[in-house]
Amino acid sequence: MKDYHSFNFLRDIYFVRTGGSKEELKAANLIKDEVAKLGGKAKLESFEVDSADIKTAKLVFDGNYEIECAGSGYSGSTPKDGVTGEFMYLPSVEALNMYSLKDKILLINSKRVPHKFYLKAVEEKAAGIILTTGDVYKDSKDVDLDPYINREPDYEVGKIPTVMIRMTDAEKLVEKMPKKATLTLESVDSKATSHDVVAEIKGSEYPDEIITFTAHFDSGAFSKGAYDNGTGAITLLQLFNHFIDNKPKRTLKFVWCGSEEMGLLGSKAYVKKHKKEVEEKTVLNINVDMVAVTLGHDIACVTGETEIVSYIKYVSRELGFPIRAYQGVYSSDSTPFADAGVPAISFARLSERGGAIIHCHDDVIERLSEPNYIKTCDFIIALVSRWVNSTQFPIDKCMPQNMLDELDYYLLRKERPEKK
């Protein structure tokens, strides 16, 4: 068996690699080459993603007070001189329901517009939206202004010019409560090409039963993505190395997904492209999203029957590996598989409060631990090997009603009932 240390590969993809960028393609080819070094063969599968070139983004209050901002793509453009409207701070859903939003420029405490807020803003013809990022304890130089791209479920119902400011500036705004805001945004929307990296190990006894492993390899803007999700990408390499040396009874697919940070676009593209295979032959999805962090705890989120949760707990106790297993929908590349009816499990090692953070320039290798990474890899290999090589596959391909409901809520097909 090859003595392979996939943790070393993390530095090879330690650069900003946003969805659809040339850097993401570079990382895809590096992964493809690494698979070849391990004795396998990988291919790139391309798909289209949204892209935007923000020409102008400006935010002025009461005609004389300007705040630095970043524009959001696919949120529309204003006239050359911008749009001016009454400034309104929306701190909660309760506030949303109390006031008319027409012609207002809205400040919302979020890096993304909550869908319920967005629908009402479009319906009532709000003039603009201001989002926030960072926290009030950080200096401006430590907070990245993310060039966010509005997502299809929102922009397909309408576009509202949107910009992002730092939380420290938002706090000052609410203290001053200016009467008017002028928002200027010029965005040229376009399309770019992203890629999934796909490799396969054919099963020796049950080749028509497929277990698909996924992990995204793209990063957010400004982030070198060591933790999120370079660690997931290298976990798949470690798993590939293990199973190419220990031939599996079932066929294994390995999919390094592009553009996850833009809305799970790589896994959605894969499930759509391989629809028949996913529906007829894929029996399980194993997703890895953020492991190896020094201060953290391991979790397994199961979108499937509760029996899978119990199975993971039993093996955890057997092997002495503490992990919190629970039923739910995990916000990563497991979700499109679960939505296609495939039981899915997302493994992660979540950081503790005050520990490692993601989606910014602070996502660095220094917050990671190779010994913790090895422990997590060893547990995943030990667990999934039982399923990969079982005489009869022990997991039924079905999705319980509570998980179907959770998928509908997550994917915005239904509104979650309000708690009484």
Protein backbone atom coordinates (compact mmCIF):
# COMPACT_ATOMS: atom_id res chain seq x y z
CA MET A 1 0.00 0.00 0.00
CA LYS A 2 1.32 3.42 -0.94
CA ASP A 3 2.34 5.61 2.00
CA TYR A 4 0.32 8.60 0.83
CA HIS A 5 0.00 11.85 2.79
CA SER A 6 -2.72 13.85 1.09
CA PHE A 7 -2.32 16.66 3.62
CA ASN A 8 0.80 17.69 1.70
CA PHE A 9 -1.34 18.40 -1.37
CA LEU A 10 -3.20 21.13 0.51
CA ARG A 11 -0.41 23.61 -0.22
CA ASP A 12 -0.65 22.87 -3.94
CA ILE A 13 -4.19 24.33 -4.07
CA TYR A 14 -3.58 27.01 -1.43
CA PHE A 15 -4.72 30.00 -3.47
CA VAL A 16 -7.98 31.86 -4.09
CA ARG A 17 -10.03 29.73 -6.52
CA THR A 18 -13.53 31.17 -6.90
CA GLY A 19 -16.12 29.44 -9.05
CA GLY A 20 -15.63 29.90 -12.78
CA SER A 21 -12.20 31.54 -12.44
CA LYS A 22 -8.96 30.52 -14.14
CA GLU A 23 -7.62 29.73 -10.67
CA GLU A 24 -10.44 27.25 -10.08
CA LEU A 25 -9.55 25.56 -13.39
CA LYS A 26 -5.90 25.44 -12.31
CA ALA A 27 -6.92 23.68 -9.08
CA ALA A 28 -9.10 21.26 -11.05
CA ASN A 29 -6.17 20.26 -13.24
CA LEU A 30 -3.91 19.85 -10.20
CA ILE A 31 -6.44 17.45 -8.66
CA LYS A 32 -6.73 15.58 -11.97
CA ASP A 33 -2.94 15.21 -12.11
CA GLU A 34 -2.83 14.03 -8.48
CA VAL A 35 -5.38 11.31 -9.25
CA ALA A 36 -3.13 10.17 -12.11
CA LYS A 37 -0.13 9.98 -9.73
CA LEU A 38 -2.20 7.66 -7.52
CA GLY A 39 -2.80 5.33 -10.45
CA GLY A 40 -6.26 6.53 -11.46
CA LYS A 41 -7.77 8.59 -14.23
CA ALA A 42 -9.89 11.70 -13.80
CA LYS A 43 -11.74 13.90 -16.26
CA LEU A 44 -13.08 17.43 -16.13
CA GLU A 45 -16.79 18.07 -16.68
CA SER A 46 -17.64 21.69 -17.47
CA PHE A 47 -20.78 23.64 -16.63
CA GLU A 48 -21.90 27.26 -16.84
CA VAL A 49 -22.04 29.66 -13.88
CA ASP A 50 -22.97 33.30 -13.38
CA SER A 51 -20.23 35.91 -13.43
CA ALA A 52 -20.25 39.68 -13.05
CA ASP A 53 -17.94 42.63 -13.62
CA ILE A 54 -18.77 45.42 -11.16
CA LYS A 55 -17.83 48.69 -12.87
CA THR A 56 -19.16 51.07 -10.20
CA ALA A 57 -20.46 50.70 -6.64
CA LYS A 58 -21.11 53.79 -4.53
CA LEU A 59 -23.18 54.60 -1.47
CA VAL A 60 -23.84 58.17 -0.25
CA PHE A 61 -26.10 59.30 2.61
CA ASP A 62 -27.86 62.67 2.86
CA GLY A 63 -25.80 63.85 -0.07
CA ASN A 64 -22.49 64.14 1.78
CA TYR A 65 -21.62 61.00 3.75
CA GLU A 66 -20.04 58.20 1.69
CA ILE A 67 -19.40 54.63 2.84
CA GLU A 68 -17.17 52.15 1.02
CA CYS A 69 -19.15 49.31 -0.51
CA ALA A 70 -18.90 46.38 -2.90
CA GLY A 71 -21.52 45.72 -5.57
CA SER A 72 -23.46 42.49 -6.03
CA GLY A 73 -23.62 40.91 -9.47
CA TYR A 74 -26.96 39.86 -10.97
CA SER A 75 -28.75 42.45 -8.83
CA GLY A 76 -29.24 44.92 -11.67
CA SER A 77 -27.77 48.35 -12.38
CA THR A 78 -28.93 51.82 -11.47
CA PRO A 79 -29.04 54.90 -13.71
CA LYS A 80 -25.68 56.65 -14.05
CA ASP A 81 -26.49 59.04 -11.19
CA GLY A 82 -27.81 56.23 -9.00
CA VAL A 83 -31.13 55.82 -7.21
CA THR A 84 -32.11 57.86 -4.17
CA GLY A 85 -34.59 56.72 -1.57
CA GLU A 86 -35.51 56.91 2.07
CA PHE A 87 -33.04 54.96 4.21
CA MET A 88 -34.61 52.14 6.24
CA TYR A 89 -33.03 49.67 8.67
CA LEU A 90 -34.77 46.27 8.74
CA PRO A 91 -33.57 44.38 11.84
CA SER A 92 -36.14 41.55 11.78
CA VAL A 93 -39.05 39.84 10.05
CA GLU A 94 -41.35 41.77 12.36
CA ALA A 95 -40.01 45.03 10.95
CA LEU A 96 -40.41 43.66 7.45
CA ASN A 97 -44.13 43.16 8.02
CA MET A 98 -44.75 46.59 9.57
CA TYR A 99 -43.64 49.01 6.88
CA SER A 100 -43.97 49.71 3.18
CA LEU A 101 -40.69 49.08 1.34
CA LYS A 102 -41.58 51.00 -1.80
CA ASP A 103 -38.76 53.26 -3.01
CA LYS A 104 -36.76 52.58 0.19
CA ILE A 105 -33.09 51.67 0.37
CA LEU A 106 -32.96 48.87 2.92
CA LEU A 107 -30.18 47.94 5.35
CA ILE A 108 -30.32 44.24 6.31
CA ASN A 109 -28.06 42.49 8.86
CA SER A 110 -26.95 39.69 6.56
CA LYS A 111 -24.33 38.78 3.99
CA ARG A 112 -27.14 37.37 1.86
CA VAL A 113 -30.69 38.65 1.58
CA PRO A 114 -33.07 36.25 3.36
CA HIS A 115 -35.41 34.97 0.66
CA LYS A 116 -38.53 36.16 2.48
CA PHE A 117 -37.07 39.68 2.68
CA TYR A 118 -36.12 39.60 -0.99
CA LEU A 119 -39.55 38.51 -2.21
CA LYS A 120 -41.26 41.36 -0.35
CA ALA A 121 -38.64 43.87 -1.47
CA VAL A 122 -39.28 42.92 -5.11
CA GLU A 123 -43.05 42.87 -4.67
CA GLU A 124 -43.12 46.33 -3.07
CA LYS A 125 -40.47 47.78 -5.42
CA ALA A 126 -37.70 48.68 -2.98
CA ALA A 127 -35.10 50.95 -4.57
CA GLY A 128 -31.99 49.21 -3.24
CA ILE A 129 -30.55 46.82 -0.67
CA ILE A 130 -27.51 47.18 1.60
CA LEU A 131 -26.02 43.97 3.05
CA THR A 132 -23.40 43.62 5.80
CA THR A 133 -20.28 41.56 6.44
CA GLY A 134 -17.72 41.16 9.21
CA ASP A 135 -18.34 42.16 12.83
CA VAL A 136 -18.17 45.32 14.90
CA TYR A 137 -14.98 44.24 16.68
CA LYS A 138 -12.80 44.15 13.55
CA ASP A 139 -10.95 46.99 11.92
CA SER A 140 -11.97 47.78 8.36
CA LYS A 141 -8.69 46.40 7.00
CA ASP A 142 -9.53 42.99 8.49
CA VAL A 143 -12.96 42.68 6.82
CA ASP A 144 -13.18 41.68 3.15
CA LEU A 145 -15.93 43.30 1.11
CA ASP A 146 -17.15 40.26 -0.78
CA PRO A 147 -18.09 40.83 -4.46
CA TYR A 148 -21.17 38.68 -3.97
CA ILE A 149 -23.28 37.41 -6.88
CA ASN A 150 -27.03 37.33 -6.35
CA ARG A 151 -28.44 33.81 -6.73
CA GLU A 152 -30.98 32.56 -9.24
CA PRO A 153 -33.91 31.91 -6.83
CA ASP A 154 -33.79 35.63 -6.06
CA TYR A 155 -32.89 37.31 -9.34
CA GLU A 156 -35.35 35.21 -11.33
CA VAL A 157 -38.20 37.02 -9.51
CA GLY A 158 -36.63 40.44 -10.05
CA LYS A 159 -33.46 42.45 -9.55
CA ILE A 160 -32.84 45.09 -6.90
CA PRO A 161 -29.48 46.94 -6.95
CA THR A 162 -27.53 45.56 -4.00
CA VAL A 163 -24.27 46.51 -2.29
CA MET A 164 -22.38 45.27 0.77
CA ILE A 165 -20.80 47.28 3.58
CA ARG A 166 -18.84 46.41 6.72
CA MET A 167 -20.70 45.82 9.98
CA THR A 168 -18.78 48.66 11.68
CA ASP A 169 -20.14 51.07 9.06
CA ALA A 170 -23.63 49.63 9.47
CA GLU A 171 -23.48 50.32 13.20
CA LYS A 172 -22.49 53.93 12.56
CA LEU A 173 -25.31 54.28 10.03
CA VAL A 174 -27.94 53.10 12.48
CA GLU A 175 -26.57 55.50 15.10
CA LYS A 176 -26.83 58.43 12.66
CA MET A 177 -30.04 57.26 10.92
CA PRO A 178 -29.66 59.35 7.75
CA LYS A 179 -32.85 60.31 5.97
CA LYS A 180 -31.77 59.58 2.39
CA ALA A 181 -29.43 57.16 0.64
CA THR A 182 -28.14 57.27 -2.91
CA LEU A 183 -26.97 53.93 -4.31
CA THR A 184 -25.05 53.73 -7.57
CA LEU A 185 -24.29 50.37 -9.17
CA GLU A 186 -23.09 49.42 -12.63
CA SER A 187 -22.77 45.66 -13.10
CA VAL A 188 -22.08 43.80 -16.33
CA ASP A 189 -23.46 40.30 -15.91
CA SER A 190 -22.09 37.40 -17.93
CA LYS A 191 -21.38 33.67 -17.80
CA ALA A 192 -18.24 31.73 -16.94
CA THR A 193 -17.20 28.07 -17.08
CA SER A 194 -16.67 26.00 -13.95
CA HIS A 195 -15.60 22.36 -13.68
CA ASP A 196 -16.14 19.18 -11.70
CA VAL A 197 -13.30 16.66 -11.49
CA VAL A 198 -14.60 13.09 -11.79
CA ALA A 199 -12.83 9.78 -11.19
CA GLU A 200 -14.08 6.20 -10.85
CA ILE A 201 -12.99 2.90 -9.32
CA LYS A 202 -15.02 0.01 -10.73
CA GLY A 203 -16.57 -2.42 -8.28
CA SER A 204 -15.39 -6.03 -8.38
CA GLU A 205 -18.70 -7.70 -7.42
CA TYR A 206 -21.49 -5.13 -7.59
CA PRO A 207 -20.40 -2.70 -10.33
CA ASP A 208 -23.95 -1.40 -10.85
CA GLU A 209 -24.24 -0.19 -7.25
CA ILE A 210 -22.49 3.17 -6.98
CA ILE A 211 -21.34 5.11 -3.94
CA THR A 212 -20.45 8.68 -4.88
CA PHE A 213 -17.97 10.69 -2.80
CA THR A 214 -18.10 14.47 -3.11
CA ALA A 215 -16.22 17.51 -1.83
CA HIS A 216 -15.99 20.99 -3.28
CA PHE A 217 -12.62 22.46 -4.14
CA ASP A 218 -13.53 26.08 -4.94
CA SER A 219 -13.11 28.88 -2.41
CA GLY A 220 -14.84 32.11 -1.53
CA ALA A 221 -13.54 35.50 -2.62
CA PHE A 222 -10.32 36.57 -0.84
CA SER A 223 -10.00 33.08 0.71
CA LYS A 224 -7.28 30.54 0.01
CA GLY A 225 -9.80 28.00 1.28
CA ALA A 226 -7.53 25.77 3.36
CA TYR A 227 -10.27 24.69 5.77
CA ASP A 228 -13.22 25.36 3.44
CA ASN A 229 -12.76 23.24 1.53
CA GLY A 230 -9.21 22.28 0.70
CA THR A 231 -9.50 19.77 3.53
CA GLY A 232 -12.50 18.09 1.94
CA ALA A 233 -10.76 17.95 -1.43
CA ILE A 234 -7.70 16.23 0.04
CA THR A 235 -9.89 13.81 2.02
CA LEU A 236 -11.28 12.54 -1.28
CA LEU A 237 -7.71 12.03 -2.49
CA GLN A 238 -6.95 10.00 0.64
CA LEU A 239 -10.09 7.90 0.11
CA PHE A 240 -9.24 7.41 -3.56
CA ASN A 241 -5.75 6.26 -2.63
CA HIS A 242 -7.14 3.76 -0.12
CA PHE A 243 -9.70 2.21 -2.45
CA ILE A 244 -7.48 2.04 -5.51
CA ASP A 245 -5.15 -0.08 -3.35
CA ASN A 246 -8.01 -2.01 -1.71
CA LYS A 247 -10.34 -2.86 -4.57
CA PRO A 248 -13.97 -2.20 -3.62
CA LYS A 249 -16.88 -4.55 -4.23
CA ARG A 250 -19.06 -1.63 -5.31
CA THR A 251 -18.26 1.06 -7.86
CA LEU A 252 -16.98 4.28 -6.33
CA LYS A 253 -17.29 7.67 -7.98
CA PHE A 254 -15.21 10.60 -6.74
CA VAL A 255 -16.46 14.07 -7.63
CA TRP A 256 -14.51 17.18 -6.72
CA CYS A 257 -17.23 19.80 -7.18
CA GLY A 258 -16.69 23.28 -8.54
CA SER A 259 -18.62 26.42 -7.58
CA GLU A 260 -20.16 25.09 -4.37
CA GLU A 261 -19.78 28.52 -2.81
CA MET A 262 -22.06 29.95 -5.52
CA GLY A 263 -24.98 27.72 -4.56
CA LEU A 264 -23.88 24.05 -4.83
CA LEU A 265 -23.59 24.50 -8.59
CA GLY A 266 -21.04 21.74 -9.24
CA SER A 267 -23.01 19.00 -7.51
CA LYS A 268 -26.24 20.24 -9.08
CA ALA A 269 -24.58 20.07 -12.51
CA TYR A 270 -23.27 16.55 -11.83
CA VAL A 271 -26.64 15.23 -10.67
CA LYS A 272 -28.33 16.76 -13.72
CA LYS A 273 -25.72 15.44 -16.18
CA HIS A 274 -25.74 11.94 -14.65
CA LYS A 275 -29.48 11.83 -13.90
CA LYS A 276 -30.06 8.23 -14.97
CA GLU A 277 -27.00 6.95 -13.10
CA VAL A 278 -27.95 8.85 -9.94
CA GLU A 279 -31.57 7.70 -10.01
CA GLU A 280 -30.98 4.07 -10.99
CA LYS A 281 -27.56 3.07 -9.66
CA THR A 282 -26.31 5.50 -7.00
CA VAL A 283 -27.08 4.06 -3.56
CA LEU A 284 -25.26 6.54 -1.29
CA ASN A 285 -23.51 9.90 -1.30
CA ILE A 286 -20.65 10.65 1.09
CA ASN A 287 -19.74 14.34 1.22
CA VAL A 288 -16.80 15.91 3.06
CA ASP A 289 -16.98 19.61 3.87
CA MET A 290 -14.35 21.10 6.19
CA VAL A 291 -12.28 18.79 8.40
CA ALA A 292 -8.84 18.94 10.09
CA VAL A 293 -9.42 22.10 12.12
CA THR A 294 -7.38 22.15 15.35
CA LEU A 295 -10.16 23.31 17.69
CA GLY A 296 -13.30 21.52 16.61
CA HIS A 297 -15.69 18.60 16.83
CA ASP A 298 -16.64 16.01 14.21
CA ILE A 299 -20.17 15.69 12.90
CA ALA A 300 -22.07 13.51 10.43
CA CYS A 301 -25.26 15.04 9.05
CA VAL A 302 -27.53 12.37 7.54
CA THR A 303 -30.15 13.23 4.96
CA GLY A 304 -31.84 9.86 5.05
CA GLU A 305 -33.33 7.32 7.45
CA THR A 306 -32.56 7.51 11.19
CA GLU A 307 -31.10 3.99 10.98
CA ILE A 308 -28.06 5.49 9.25
CA VAL A 309 -27.56 7.82 12.22
CA SER A 310 -27.67 4.83 14.58
CA TYR A 311 -25.18 2.90 12.43
CA ILE A 312 -22.68 5.78 12.57
CA LYS A 313 -23.11 6.06 16.34
CA TYR A 314 -22.46 2.32 16.80
CA VAL A 315 -19.25 2.44 14.74
CA SER A 316 -18.18 5.61 16.58
CA ARG A 317 -18.44 3.76 19.90
CA GLU A 318 -16.78 0.65 18.49
CA LEU A 319 -13.75 2.59 17.22
CA GLY A 320 -13.59 5.18 20.00
CA PHE A 321 -14.01 8.13 17.65
CA PRO A 322 -16.30 10.86 19.05
CA ILE A 323 -18.68 12.20 16.42
CA ARG A 324 -22.10 13.82 16.62
CA ALA A 325 -24.38 12.05 14.14
CA TYR A 326 -27.80 13.51 13.44
CA GLN A 327 -30.51 13.75 10.81
CA GLY A 328 -30.79 16.94 8.76
CA VAL A 329 -29.96 18.80 5.56
CA TYR A 330 -26.36 19.98 5.31
CA SER A 331 -25.64 23.07 3.24
CA SER A 332 -23.18 21.53 0.81
CA ASP A 333 -22.85 19.10 -2.09
CA SER A 334 -24.73 16.28 -0.37
CA THR A 335 -28.01 18.16 -0.83
CA PRO A 336 -28.51 17.78 -4.63
CA PHE A 337 -27.97 14.01 -4.25
CA ALA A 338 -30.47 13.81 -1.39
CA ASP A 339 -32.92 15.85 -3.44
CA ALA A 340 -32.58 13.22 -6.17
CA GLY A 341 -33.57 10.51 -3.66
CA VAL A 342 -30.07 9.30 -2.73
CA PRO A 343 -29.32 8.92 1.01
CA ALA A 344 -26.51 11.36 1.77
CA ILE A 345 -24.07 11.94 4.61
CA SER A 346 -21.93 15.03 5.10
CA PHE A 347 -18.87 14.70 7.32
CA ALA A 348 -17.26 17.78 8.83
CA ARG A 349 -15.12 18.88 11.74
CA LEU A 350 -16.73 22.14 12.80
CA SER A 351 -14.67 24.84 14.46
CA GLU A 352 -15.44 26.12 17.93
CA ARG A 353 -16.61 29.66 18.68
CA GLY A 354 -13.57 31.92 18.54
CA GLY A 355 -11.63 29.38 16.47
CA ALA A 356 -11.08 29.00 12.72
CA ILE A 357 -13.33 30.95 10.38
CA ILE A 358 -14.19 30.61 6.69
CA HIS A 359 -15.18 32.70 3.66
CA CYS A 360 -12.45 35.29 4.21
CA HIS A 361 -8.68 35.79 4.09
CA ASP A 362 -8.37 34.24 7.58
CA ASP A 363 -9.07 30.72 6.27
CA VAL A 364 -5.45 29.60 6.55
CA ILE A 365 -3.46 26.38 6.96
CA GLU A 366 -2.18 27.49 10.36
CA ARG A 367 -5.60 26.75 11.91
CA LEU A 368 -5.44 23.10 10.81
CA SER A 369 -4.06 19.94 12.42
CA GLU A 370 -2.75 17.01 10.39
CA PRO A 371 -3.20 14.53 13.32
CA ASN A 372 -6.88 15.52 13.60
CA TYR A 373 -7.20 15.19 9.83
CA ILE A 374 -5.76 11.65 9.89
CA LYS A 375 -8.17 10.61 12.66
CA THR A 376 -11.16 11.83 10.68
CA CYS A 377 -9.94 10.18 7.46
CA ASP A 378 -9.34 6.90 9.26
CA PHE A 379 -12.85 6.91 10.72
CA ILE A 380 -14.51 7.70 7.38
CA ILE A 381 -12.53 4.94 5.67
CA ALA A 382 -13.36 2.42 8.41
CA LEU A 383 -17.06 3.32 8.32
CA VAL A 384 -17.63 3.44 4.57
CA SER A 385 -15.56 0.31 3.95
CA ARG A 386 -18.32 -1.62 5.75
CA TRP A 387 -20.84 -0.31 3.21
CA VAL A 388 -18.55 -0.47 0.19
CA ASN A 389 -17.81 -4.16 0.78
CA SER A 390 -21.00 -5.43 2.44
CA THR A 391 -22.59 -8.64 1.12
CA GLN A 392 -25.93 -6.86 0.82
CA PHE A 393 -26.06 -3.07 0.85
CA PRO A 394 -27.51 -2.20 4.28
CA ILE A 395 -28.96 1.25 3.49
CA ASP A 396 -32.35 1.48 1.82
CA LYS A 397 -32.62 3.97 -1.00
CA CYS A 398 -35.46 6.05 0.34
CA MET A 399 -36.02 9.50 1.79
CA PRO A 400 -38.27 9.90 4.86
CA GLN A 401 -40.99 12.55 4.80
CA ASN A 402 -39.32 14.79 7.38
CA MET A 403 -36.22 14.99 5.18
CA LEU A 404 -38.31 15.65 2.07
CA ASP A 405 -39.86 18.57 3.94
CA GLU A 406 -36.45 19.87 5.06
CA LEU A 407 -35.17 19.70 1.48
CA ASP A 408 -38.19 21.71 0.32
CA TYR A 409 -37.48 24.37 2.96
CA TYR A 410 -33.76 24.51 2.18
CA LEU A 411 -34.31 24.72 -1.58
CA LEU A 412 -36.99 27.41 -1.11
CA ARG A 413 -39.78 25.33 -2.62
CA LYS A 414 -41.84 25.69 0.54
CA GLU A 415 -41.84 28.17 3.40
CA ARG A 416 -41.04 26.72 6.79
CA PRO A 417 -44.04 27.01 9.16
CA GLU A 418 -43.53 29.64 11.82
CA LYS A 419 -43.12 28.34 15.36
CA LYS A 420 -46.05 29.15 17.61
